[in-house]
Amino acid sequence: MAARIAVLVRPVEGGHQAFCQTRDCAAGAEGGPWKSGLHTVKAGAEDDARSHRQWHRRQQAVPDVIEGSA
């Protein structure tokens, strides 16, 4: 089963930032967990979080459909 995608937006000093807490996420700097840049408006961090969730969904393998099972 695929890991649960968890990307959260949190207030930080100077604005808001999105942080990925998905298990095994290595999309960030030096292979660490991803985080967005600093946004003064929360909506900017939410847009980054949405984009990163979509990125994770594209990385997950789609299961093969067995003929006759659908």
PDB file of N, CA and C in Angstrom:
ATOM      1  N   MET A   1       0.836  -1.168   0.000  1.00  0.00           N
ATOM      2  CA  MET A   1       0.000   0.000   0.000  1.00  0.00           C
ATOM      3  C   MET A   1       0.886   1.237   0.000  1.00  0.00           C
ATOM      4  N   ALA A   2       0.469   2.252  -0.730  1.00  0.00           N
ATOM      5  CA  ALA A   2       1.248   3.477  -0.847  1.00  0.00           C
ATOM      6  C   ALA A   2       1.223   4.255   0.466  1.00  0.00           C
ATOM      7  N   ALA A   3       2.273   5.015   0.678  1.00  0.00           N
ATOM      8  CA  ALA A   3       2.345   5.846   1.883  1.00  0.00           C
ATOM      9  C   ALA A   3       1.286   6.936   1.835  1.00  0.00           C
ATOM     10  N   ARG A   4       0.777   7.291   2.979  1.00  0.00           N
ATOM     11  CA  ARG A   4      -0.203   8.375   3.072  1.00  0.00           C
ATOM     12  C   ARG A   4       0.513   9.685   2.774  1.00  0.00           C
ATOM     13  N   ILE A   5      -0.046  10.485   1.887  1.00  0.00           N
ATOM     14  CA  ILE A   5       0.546  11.766   1.518  1.00  0.00           C
ATOM     15  C   ILE A   5       0.121  12.804   2.554  1.00  0.00           C
ATOM     16  N   ALA A   6       1.101  13.406   3.217  1.00  0.00           N
ATOM     17  CA  ALA A   6       0.814  14.393   4.264  1.00  0.00           C
ATOM     18  C   ALA A   6       1.674  15.631   4.021  1.00  0.00           C
ATOM     19  N   VAL A   7       1.056  16.678   3.494  1.00  0.00           N
ATOM     20  CA  VAL A   7       1.738  17.949   3.270  1.00  0.00           C
ATOM     21  C   VAL A   7       0.950  19.006   4.042  1.00  0.00           C
ATOM     22  N   LEU A   8       1.589  19.628   5.013  1.00  0.00           N
ATOM     23  CA  LEU A   8       0.918  20.560   5.910  1.00  0.00           C
ATOM     24  C   LEU A   8       1.424  21.981   5.715  1.00  0.00           C
ATOM     25  N   VAL A   9       0.541  22.950   5.948  1.00  0.00           N
ATOM     26  CA  VAL A   9       0.916  24.362   5.929  1.00  0.00           C
ATOM     27  C   VAL A   9       0.944  24.843   7.367  1.00  0.00           C
ATOM     28  N   ARG A  10       2.062  25.467   7.744  1.00  0.00           N
ATOM     29  CA  ARG A  10       2.221  25.933   9.120  1.00  0.00           C
ATOM     30  C   ARG A  10       2.678  27.388   9.127  1.00  0.00           C
ATOM     31  N   PRO A  11       2.253  28.120  10.155  1.00  0.00           N
ATOM     32  CA  PRO A  11       2.787  29.472  10.309  1.00  0.00           C
ATOM     33  C   PRO A  11       4.233  29.403  10.798  1.00  0.00           C
ATOM     34  N   VAL A  12       5.077  30.204  10.220  1.00  0.00           N
ATOM     35  CA  VAL A  12       6.472  30.311  10.655  1.00  0.00           C
ATOM     36  C   VAL A  12       6.789  31.799  10.788  1.00  0.00           C
ATOM     37  N   GLU A  13       7.902  32.102  11.351  1.00  0.00           N
ATOM     38  CA  GLU A  13       8.271  33.507  11.519  1.00  0.00           C
ATOM     39  C   GLU A  13       8.356  34.178  10.151  1.00  0.00           C
ATOM     40  N   GLY A  14       7.542  35.196   9.951  1.00  0.00           N
ATOM     41  CA  GLY A  14       7.554  35.930   8.689  1.00  0.00           C
ATOM     42  C   GLY A  14       6.520  35.480   7.676  1.00  0.00           C
ATOM     43  N   GLY A  15       5.713  34.465   7.994  1.00  0.00           N
ATOM     44  CA  GLY A  15       4.697  34.035   7.037  1.00  0.00           C
ATOM     45  C   GLY A  15       4.244  32.606   7.236  1.00  0.00           C
ATOM     46  N   HIS A  16       4.075  31.902   6.111  1.00  0.00           N
ATOM     47  CA  HIS A  16       3.612  30.509   6.124  1.00  0.00           C
ATOM     48  C   HIS A  16       4.514  29.674   5.234  1.00  0.00           C
ATOM     49  N   GLN A  17       4.600  28.398   5.555  1.00  0.00           N
ATOM     50  CA  GLN A  17       5.438  27.476   4.792  1.00  0.00           C
ATOM     51  C   GLN A  17       4.776  26.104   4.781  1.00  0.00           C
ATOM     52  N   ALA A  18       4.892  25.401   3.650  1.00  0.00           N
ATOM     53  CA  ALA A  18       4.368  24.041   3.520  1.00  0.00           C
ATOM     54  C   ALA A  18       5.498  23.056   3.806  1.00  0.00           C
ATOM     55  N   PHE A  19       5.166  21.987   4.543  1.00  0.00           N
ATOM     56  CA  PHE A  19       6.133  20.951   4.898  1.00  0.00           C
ATOM     57  C   PHE A  19       5.563  19.588   4.529  1.00  0.00           C
ATOM     58  N   CYS A  20       6.374  18.746   3.916  1.00  0.00           N
ATOM     59  CA  CYS A  20       5.936  17.387   3.577  1.00  0.00           C
ATOM     60  C   CYS A  20       6.311  16.447   4.715  1.00  0.00           C
ATOM     61  N   GLN A  21       5.316  15.684   5.188  1.00  0.00           N
ATOM     62  CA  GLN A  21       5.562  14.685   6.227  1.00  0.00           C
ATOM     63  C   GLN A  21       5.259  13.284   5.710  1.00  0.00           C
ATOM     64  N   THR A  22       5.241  13.137   4.385  1.00  0.00           N
ATOM     65  CA  THR A  22       5.024  11.834   3.779  1.00  0.00           C
ATOM     66  C   THR A  22       6.241  10.959   4.040  1.00  0.00           C
ATOM     67  N   ARG A  23       5.979   9.724   4.463  1.00  0.00           N
ATOM     68  CA  ARG A  23       7.080   8.793   4.741  1.00  0.00           C
ATOM     69  C   ARG A  23       7.946   8.630   3.494  1.00  0.00           C
ATOM     70  N   ASP A  24       9.235   8.654   3.660  1.00  0.00           N
ATOM     71  CA  ASP A  24      10.219   8.453   2.595  1.00  0.00           C
ATOM     72  C   ASP A  24      10.259   9.568   1.556  1.00  0.00           C
ATOM     73  N   CYS A  25       9.723  10.747   1.841  1.00  0.00           N
ATOM     74  CA  CYS A  25       9.831  11.863   0.900  1.00  0.00           C
ATOM     75  C   CYS A  25      11.276  12.345   0.895  1.00  0.00           C
ATOM     76  N   ALA A  26      11.888  12.364  -0.273  1.00  0.00           N
ATOM     77  CA  ALA A  26      13.267  12.820  -0.409  1.00  0.00           C
ATOM     78  C   ALA A  26      13.370  13.876  -1.506  1.00  0.00           C
ATOM     79  N   ALA A  27      12.315  14.654  -1.688  1.00  0.00           N
ATOM     80  CA  ALA A  27      12.275  15.661  -2.747  1.00  0.00           C
ATOM     81  C   ALA A  27      12.892  16.984  -2.312  1.00  0.00           C
ATOM     82  N   GLY A  28      13.306  17.088  -1.070  1.00  0.00           N
ATOM     83  CA  GLY A  28      13.848  18.336  -0.556  1.00  0.00           C
ATOM     84  C   GLY A  28      15.346  18.455  -0.786  1.00  0.00           C
ATOM     85  N   ALA A  29      15.894  19.507  -0.229  1.00  0.00           N
ATOM     86  CA  ALA A  29      17.328  19.755  -0.348  1.00  0.00           C
ATOM     87  C   ALA A  29      18.121  18.599   0.252  1.00  0.00           C
ATOM     88  N   GLU A  30      19.146  18.190  -0.456  1.00  0.00           N
ATOM     89  CA  GLU A  30      20.052  17.119  -0.016  1.00  0.00           C
ATOM     90  C   GLU A  30      19.331  15.823   0.323  1.00  0.00           C
ATOM     91  N   GLY A  31      18.234  15.533  -0.379  1.00  0.00           N
ATOM     92  CA  GLY A  31      17.522  14.277  -0.196  1.00  0.00           C
ATOM     93  C   GLY A  31      16.636  14.216   1.031  1.00  0.00           C
ATOM     94  N   GLY A  32      16.422  15.341   1.677  1.00  0.00           N
ATOM     95  CA  GLY A  32      15.559  15.381   2.860  1.00  0.00           C
ATOM     96  C   GLY A  32      14.112  15.648   2.475  1.00  0.00           C
ATOM     97  N   PRO A  33      13.237  15.752   3.461  1.00  0.00           N
ATOM     98  CA  PRO A  33      11.832  16.043   3.179  1.00  0.00           C
ATOM     99  C   PRO A  33      11.668  17.408   2.511  1.00  0.00           C
ATOM    100  N   TRP A  34      10.684  17.527   1.650  1.00  0.00           N
ATOM    101  CA  TRP A  34      10.424  18.761   0.909  1.00  0.00           C
ATOM    102  C   TRP A  34       9.809  19.815   1.814  1.00  0.00           C
ATOM    103  N   LYS A  35      10.138  21.072   1.557  1.00  0.00           N
ATOM    104  CA  LYS A  35       9.443  22.197   2.170  1.00  0.00           C
ATOM    105  C   LYS A  35       9.433  23.338   1.172  1.00  0.00           C
ATOM    106  N   SER A  36       8.368  24.127   1.229  1.00  0.00           N
ATOM    107  CA  SER A  36       8.221  25.236   0.287  1.00  0.00           C
ATOM    108  C   SER A  36       9.050  26.422   0.750  1.00  0.00           C
ATOM    109  N   GLY A  37       9.073  27.426  -0.083  1.00  0.00           N
ATOM    110  CA  GLY A  37       9.676  28.692   0.315  1.00  0.00           C
ATOM    111  C   GLY A  37       8.734  29.417   1.263  1.00  0.00           C
ATOM    112  N   LEU A  38       9.197  30.509   1.820  1.00  0.00           N
ATOM    113  CA  LEU A  38       8.400  31.305   2.744  1.00  0.00           C
ATOM    114  C   LEU A  38       7.393  32.143   1.955  1.00  0.00           C
ATOM    115  N   HIS A  39       6.141  32.130   2.389  1.00  0.00           N
ATOM    116  CA  HIS A  39       5.073  32.914   1.767  1.00  0.00           C
ATOM    117  C   HIS A  39       4.480  33.848   2.808  1.00  0.00           C
ATOM    118  N   THR A  40       4.313  35.115   2.455  1.00  0.00           N
ATOM    119  CA  THR A  40       3.698  36.054   3.387  1.00  0.00           C
ATOM    120  C   THR A  40       2.191  35.846   3.452  1.00  0.00           C
ATOM    121  N   VAL A  41       1.619  35.287   2.377  1.00  0.00           N
ATOM    122  CA  VAL A  41       0.187  35.003   2.323  1.00  0.00           C
ATOM    123  C   VAL A  41       0.006  33.489   2.397  1.00  0.00           C
ATOM    124  N   LYS A  42      -0.890  33.023   3.255  1.00  0.00           N
ATOM    125  CA  LYS A  42      -1.093  31.580   3.456  1.00  0.00           C
ATOM    126  C   LYS A  42      -1.485  30.868   2.165  1.00  0.00           C
ATOM    127  N   ALA A  43      -2.248  31.543   1.301  1.00  0.00           N
ATOM    128  CA  ALA A  43      -2.701  30.916   0.048  1.00  0.00           C
ATOM    129  C   ALA A  43      -1.527  30.484  -0.830  1.00  0.00           C
ATOM    130  N   GLY A  44      -0.435  31.204  -0.802  1.00  0.00           N
ATOM    131  CA  GLY A  44       0.743  30.819  -1.586  1.00  0.00           C
ATOM    132  C   GLY A  44       1.328  29.498  -1.109  1.00  0.00           C
ATOM    133  N   ALA A  45       1.420  29.325   0.198  1.00  0.00           N
ATOM    134  CA  ALA A  45       1.926  28.068   0.765  1.00  0.00           C
ATOM    135  C   ALA A  45       0.952  26.930   0.475  1.00  0.00           C
ATOM    136  N   GLU A  46      -0.360  27.215   0.502  1.00  0.00           N
ATOM    137  CA  GLU A  46      -1.361  26.183   0.192  1.00  0.00           C
ATOM    138  C   GLU A  46      -1.250  25.733  -1.259  1.00  0.00           C
ATOM    139  N   ASP A  47      -0.980  26.654  -2.171  1.00  0.00           N
ATOM    140  CA  ASP A  47      -0.779  26.285  -3.580  1.00  0.00           C
ATOM    141  C   ASP A  47       0.443  25.387  -3.744  1.00  0.00           C
ATOM    142  N   ASP A  48       1.535  25.718  -3.058  1.00  0.00           N
ATOM    143  CA  ASP A  48       2.731  24.873  -3.106  1.00  0.00           C
ATOM    144  C   ASP A  48       2.444  23.485  -2.545  1.00  0.00           C
ATOM    145  N   ALA A  49       1.692  23.422  -1.441  1.00  0.00           N
ATOM    146  CA  ALA A  49       1.349  22.136  -0.833  1.00  0.00           C
ATOM    147  C   ALA A  49       0.514  21.297  -1.799  1.00  0.00           C
ATOM    148  N   ARG A  50      -0.462  21.916  -2.456  1.00  0.00           N
ATOM    149  CA  ARG A  50      -1.299  21.208  -3.426  1.00  0.00           C
ATOM    150  C   ARG A  50      -0.454  20.650  -4.568  1.00  0.00           C
ATOM    151  N   SER A  51       0.471  21.447  -5.078  1.00  0.00           N
ATOM    152  CA  SER A  51       1.348  20.993  -6.163  1.00  0.00           C
ATOM    153  C   SER A  51       2.223  19.821  -5.724  1.00  0.00           C
ATOM    154  N   HIS A  52       2.724  19.870  -4.494  1.00  0.00           N
ATOM    155  CA  HIS A  52       3.584  18.787  -4.017  1.00  0.00           C
ATOM    156  C   HIS A  52       2.785  17.502  -3.811  1.00  0.00           C
ATOM    157  N   ARG A  53       1.544  17.623  -3.318  1.00  0.00           N
ATOM    158  CA  ARG A  53       0.688  16.423  -3.201  1.00  0.00           C
ATOM    159  C   ARG A  53       0.476  15.784  -4.564  1.00  0.00           C
ATOM    160  N   GLN A  54       0.212  16.611  -5.580  1.00  0.00           N
ATOM    161  CA  GLN A  54       0.018  16.096  -6.939  1.00  0.00           C
ATOM    162  C   GLN A  54       1.297  15.418  -7.436  1.00  0.00           C
ATOM    163  N   TRP A  55       2.444  15.982  -7.111  1.00  0.00           N
ATOM    164  CA  TRP A  55       3.720  15.388  -7.505  1.00  0.00           C
ATOM    165  C   TRP A  55       3.839  13.987  -6.916  1.00  0.00           C
ATOM    166  N   HIS A  56       3.494  13.847  -5.614  1.00  0.00           N
ATOM    167  CA  HIS A  56       3.545  12.523  -4.982  1.00  0.00           C
ATOM    168  C   HIS A  56       2.600  11.551  -5.680  1.00  0.00           C
ATOM    169  N   ARG A  57       1.406  11.972  -6.021  1.00  0.00           N
ATOM    170  CA  ARG A  57       0.436  11.081  -6.684  1.00  0.00           C
ATOM    171  C   ARG A  57       0.968  10.598  -8.028  1.00  0.00           C
ATOM    172  N   ARG A  58       1.668  11.461  -8.754  1.00  0.00           N
ATOM    173  CA  ARG A  58       2.231  11.052 -10.042  1.00  0.00           C
ATOM    174  C   ARG A  58       3.374  10.059  -9.863  1.00  0.00           C
ATOM    175  N   GLN A  59       4.060  10.077  -8.713  1.00  0.00           N
ATOM    176  CA  GLN A  59       5.184   9.178  -8.461  1.00  0.00           C
ATOM    177  C   GLN A  59       4.738   7.765  -8.118  1.00  0.00           C
ATOM    178  N   GLN A  60       3.514   7.605  -7.636  1.00  0.00           N
ATOM    179  CA  GLN A  60       3.028   6.297  -7.206  1.00  0.00           C
ATOM    180  C   GLN A  60       2.619   5.464  -8.421  1.00  0.00           C
ATOM    181  N   ALA A  61       3.021   4.240  -8.408  1.00  0.00           N
ATOM    182  CA  ALA A  61       2.685   3.333  -9.510  1.00  0.00           C
ATOM    183  C   ALA A  61       1.181   3.053  -9.515  1.00  0.00           C
ATOM    184  N   VAL A  62       0.628   3.015 -10.702  1.00  0.00           N
ATOM    185  CA  VAL A  62      -0.781   2.689 -10.867  1.00  0.00           C
ATOM    186  C   VAL A  62      -0.898   1.172 -10.966  1.00  0.00           C
ATOM    187  N   PRO A  63      -1.730   0.532 -10.172  1.00  0.00           N
ATOM    188  CA  PRO A  63      -1.817  -0.932 -10.231  1.00  0.00           C
ATOM    189  C   PRO A  63      -2.349  -1.403 -11.588  1.00  0.00           C
ATOM    190  N   ASP A  64      -1.846  -2.538 -12.028  1.00  0.00           N
ATOM    191  CA  ASP A  64      -2.318  -3.132 -13.284  1.00  0.00           C
ATOM    192  C   ASP A  64      -3.756  -3.603 -13.119  1.00  0.00           C
ATOM    193  N   VAL A  65      -4.527  -3.418 -14.169  1.00  0.00           N
ATOM    194  CA  VAL A  65      -5.912  -3.898 -14.164  1.00  0.00           C
ATOM    195  C   VAL A  65      -5.915  -5.260 -14.823  1.00  0.00           C
ATOM    196  N   ILE A  66      -6.431  -6.234 -14.108  1.00  0.00           N
ATOM    197  CA  ILE A  66      -6.505  -7.590 -14.659  1.00  0.00           C
ATOM    198  C   ILE A  66      -7.762  -7.694 -15.487  1.00  0.00           C
ATOM    199  N   GLU A  67      -7.620  -8.187 -16.703  1.00  0.00           N
ATOM    200  CA  GLU A  67      -8.739  -8.294 -17.630  1.00  0.00           C
ATOM    201  C   GLU A  67      -9.855  -9.128 -17.003  1.00  0.00           C
ATOM    202  N   GLY A  68     -11.072  -8.584 -17.051  1.00  0.00           N
ATOM    203  CA  GLY A  68     -12.224  -9.285 -16.536  1.00  0.00           C
ATOM    204  C   GLY A  68     -12.524  -8.995 -15.074  1.00  0.00           C
ATOM    205  N   SER A  69     -11.648  -8.244 -14.406  1.00  0.00           N
ATOM    206  CA  SER A  69     -11.893  -7.973 -12.994  1.00  0.00           C
ATOM    207  C   SER A  69     -12.677  -6.690 -12.775  1.00  0.00           C
ATOM    208  N   ALA A  70     -12.827  -5.900 -13.813  1.00  0.00           N
ATOM    209  CA  ALA A  70     -13.531  -4.612 -13.647  1.00  0.00           C
ATOM    210  C   ALA A  70     -14.989  -4.725 -13.973  1.00  0.00           C
TER     211      ALA A  70
END
